[in-house]
C-alpha atoms as a PDB file:
ATOM      1  CA  UNK A   1      54.187 -27.382-281.471  1.00  0.00           C
ATOM      2  CA  UNK A   2      51.257 -25.912-283.296  1.00  0.00           C
ATOM      3  CA  UNK A   3      53.230 -22.995-284.784  1.00  0.00           C
ATOM      4  CA  UNK A   4      56.684 -21.411-284.723  1.00  0.00           C
ATOM      5  CA  UNK A   5      57.482 -18.187-286.562  1.00  0.00           C
ATOM      6  CA  UNK A   6      60.185 -15.542-286.600  1.00  0.00           C
ATOM      7  CA  UNK A   7      60.176 -11.873-287.567  1.00  0.00           C
ATOM      8  CA  UNK A   8      63.438 -10.089-288.408  1.00  0.00           C
ATOM      9  CA  UNK A   9      64.269  -6.410-287.889  1.00  0.00           C
ATOM     10  CA  UNK A  10      63.495  -5.956-291.604  1.00  0.00           C
ATOM     11  CA  UNK A  11      59.987  -7.363-291.091  1.00  0.00           C
ATOM     12  CA  UNK A  12      60.708 -10.631-292.874  1.00  0.00           C
ATOM     13  CA  UNK A  13      58.632 -13.518-291.553  1.00  0.00           C
ATOM     14  CA  UNK A  14      59.891 -17.080-291.405  1.00  0.00           C
ATOM     15  CA  UNK A  15      57.987 -20.258-290.582  1.00  0.00           C
ATOM     16  CA  UNK A  16      60.105 -22.805-288.759  1.00  0.00           C
ATOM     17  CA  UNK A  17      59.825 -26.577-288.732  1.00  0.00           C
ATOM     18  CA  UNK A  18      57.575 -27.689-285.886  1.00  0.00           C
ATOM     19  CA  UNK A  19      59.316 -29.654-283.140  1.00  0.00           C
ATOM     20  CA  UNK A  20      58.327 -31.774-280.182  1.00  0.00           C
ATOM     21  CA  UNK A  21      59.645 -30.944-276.738  1.00  0.00           C
ATOM     22  CA  UNK A  22      59.022 -31.883-273.124  1.00  0.00           C
ATOM     23  CA  UNK A  23      59.012 -29.959-269.879  1.00  0.00           C
ATOM     24  CA  UNK A  24      58.235 -30.529-266.238  1.00  0.00           C
ATOM     25  CA  UNK A  25      57.430 -28.230-263.356  1.00  0.00           C
ATOM     26  CA  UNK A  26      60.180 -28.250-260.755  1.00  0.00           C
ATOM     27  CA  UNK A  27      58.664 -27.117-257.459  1.00  0.00           C
ATOM     28  CA  UNK A  28      62.073 -26.743-255.787  1.00  0.00           C
ATOM     29  CA  UNK A  29      63.304 -24.353-258.491  1.00  0.00           C
ATOM     30  CA  UNK A  30      59.822 -22.869-259.102  1.00  0.00           C
ATOM     31  CA  UNK A  31      60.506 -23.292-262.817  1.00  0.00           C
ATOM     32  CA  UNK A  32      59.633 -24.982-266.069  1.00  0.00           C
ATOM     33  CA  UNK A  33      62.528 -27.330-266.866  1.00  0.00           C
ATOM     34  CA  UNK A  34      62.739 -28.485-270.484  1.00  0.00           C
ATOM     35  CA  UNK A  35      64.015 -31.813-271.784  1.00  0.00           C
ATOM     36  CA  UNK A  36      66.969 -32.433-274.050  1.00  0.00           C
ATOM     37  CA  UNK A  37      65.204 -32.069-277.425  1.00  0.00           C
ATOM     38  CA  UNK A  38      63.577 -29.273-279.393  1.00  0.00           C
ATOM     39  CA  UNK A  39      63.837 -25.493-279.396  1.00  0.00           C
ATOM     40  CA  UNK A  40      63.972 -25.278-275.594  1.00  0.00           C
ATOM     41  CA  UNK A  41      66.504 -28.097-275.089  1.00  0.00           C
ATOM     42  CA  UNK A  42      68.068 -28.196-271.626  1.00  0.00           C
ATOM     43  CA  UNK A  43      66.722 -24.782-270.639  1.00  0.00           C
ATOM     44  CA  UNK A  44      64.814 -23.560-267.615  1.00  0.00           C
ATOM     45  CA  UNK A  45      62.458 -20.622-267.084  1.00  0.00           C
ATOM     46  CA  UNK A  46      61.441 -19.508-263.599  1.00  0.00           C
ATOM     47  CA  UNK A  47      57.735 -19.120-262.917  1.00  0.00           C
ATOM     48  CA  UNK A  48      56.462 -15.616-262.239  1.00  0.00           C
ATOM     49  CA  UNK A  49      55.469 -15.680-258.565  1.00  0.00           C
ATOM     50  CA  UNK A  50      52.619 -13.216-259.235  1.00  0.00           C
ATOM     51  CA  UNK A  51      51.214 -15.317-262.049  1.00  0.00           C
ATOM     52  CA  UNK A  52      51.749 -18.950-261.141  1.00  0.00           C
ATOM     53  CA  UNK A  53      48.915 -21.305-260.315  1.00  0.00           C
ATOM     54  CA  UNK A  54      50.426 -24.766-261.005  1.00  0.00           C
ATOM     55  CA  UNK A  55      47.591 -26.556-259.199  1.00  0.00           C
ATOM     56  CA  UNK A  56      45.209 -24.993-261.754  1.00  0.00           C
ATOM     57  CA  UNK A  57      47.635 -25.745-264.602  1.00  0.00           C
ATOM     58  CA  UNK A  58      48.083 -22.070-265.390  1.00  0.00           C
ATOM     59  CA  UNK A  59      51.222 -19.927-265.087  1.00  0.00           C
ATOM     60  CA  UNK A  60      53.541 -17.300-266.513  1.00  0.00           C
ATOM     61  CA  UNK A  61      57.269 -17.908-266.811  1.00  0.00           C
ATOM     62  CA  UNK A  62      59.395 -14.960-267.886  1.00  0.00           C
ATOM     63  CA  UNK A  63      63.025 -13.961-268.116  1.00  0.00           C
ATOM     64  CA  UNK A  64      64.914 -10.982-269.504  1.00  0.00           C
ATOM     65  CA  UNK A  65      64.092 -11.638-273.163  1.00  0.00           C
ATOM     66  CA  UNK A  66      61.212 -14.117-273.197  1.00  0.00           C
ATOM     67  CA  UNK A  67      57.661 -14.613-271.983  1.00  0.00           C
ATOM     68  CA  UNK A  68      55.913 -17.950-271.619  1.00  0.00           C
ATOM     69  CA  UNK A  69      52.270 -18.533-270.753  1.00  0.00           C
ATOM     70  CA  UNK A  70      50.671 -21.906-270.078  1.00  0.00           C
ATOM     71  CA  UNK A  71      46.971 -22.496-269.509  1.00  0.00           C
ATOM     72  CA  UNK A  72      44.865 -25.667-269.770  1.00  0.00           C
ATOM     73  CA  UNK A  73      47.283 -27.521-272.019  1.00  0.00           C
ATOM     74  CA  UNK A  74      48.170 -24.599-274.308  1.00  0.00           C
ATOM     75  CA  UNK A  75      51.621 -22.965-274.321  1.00  0.00           C
ATOM     76  CA  UNK A  76      52.540 -19.575-275.809  1.00  0.00           C
ATOM     77  CA  UNK A  77      56.169 -18.439-276.013  1.00  0.00           C
ATOM     78  CA  UNK A  78      57.843 -15.299-277.332  1.00  0.00           C
ATOM     79  CA  UNK A  79      61.522 -14.381-277.501  1.00  0.00           C
ATOM     80  CA  UNK A  80      62.516 -10.804-278.332  1.00  0.00           C
ATOM     81  CA  UNK A  81      66.184 -10.220-279.161  1.00  0.00           C
ATOM     82  CA  UNK A  82      67.515  -9.146-282.578  1.00  0.00           C
ATOM     83  CA  UNK A  83      64.423 -10.808-283.986  1.00  0.00           C
ATOM     84  CA  UNK A  84      61.138 -12.048-282.564  1.00  0.00           C
ATOM     85  CA  UNK A  85      60.457 -15.757-282.241  1.00  0.00           C
ATOM     86  CA  UNK A  86      57.004 -16.957-281.310  1.00  0.00           C
ATOM     87  CA  UNK A  87      55.746 -20.491-280.721  1.00  0.00           C
ATOM     88  CA  UNK A  88      52.545 -22.118-279.611  1.00  0.00           C
ATOM     89  CA  UNK A  89      51.973 -25.702-278.549  1.00  0.00           C
ATOM     90  CA  UNK A  90      49.252 -28.092-277.561  1.00  0.00           C
ATOM     91  CA  UNK A  91      50.597 -30.001-274.574  1.00  0.00           C
ATOM     92  CA  UNK A  92      49.828 -33.485-273.322  1.00  0.00           C
ATOM     93  CA  UNK A  93      50.312 -34.757-269.795  1.00  0.00           C
ATOM     94  CA  UNK A  94      52.239 -37.987-269.331  1.00  0.00           C
END
């Protein structure tokens, strides 16, 4: 992670401890599948069929409360529930 912040309903901002995480693209599920560590542990987000270009390493992955965007090794994530959580990451291929 490069950054992870939260904003409460009262406007209070919080910086979170940066974590490492892993994910893979699952073509069968058309989704990003995350590993067992970090903020996204054991979760999955389906790719947006109108905004997914895995061969170009660029895609959107959204669900009811979150939006994820990946492009050329950079990941942006937002979660909007009772507060807003936002994270960015510089990703490595392995």
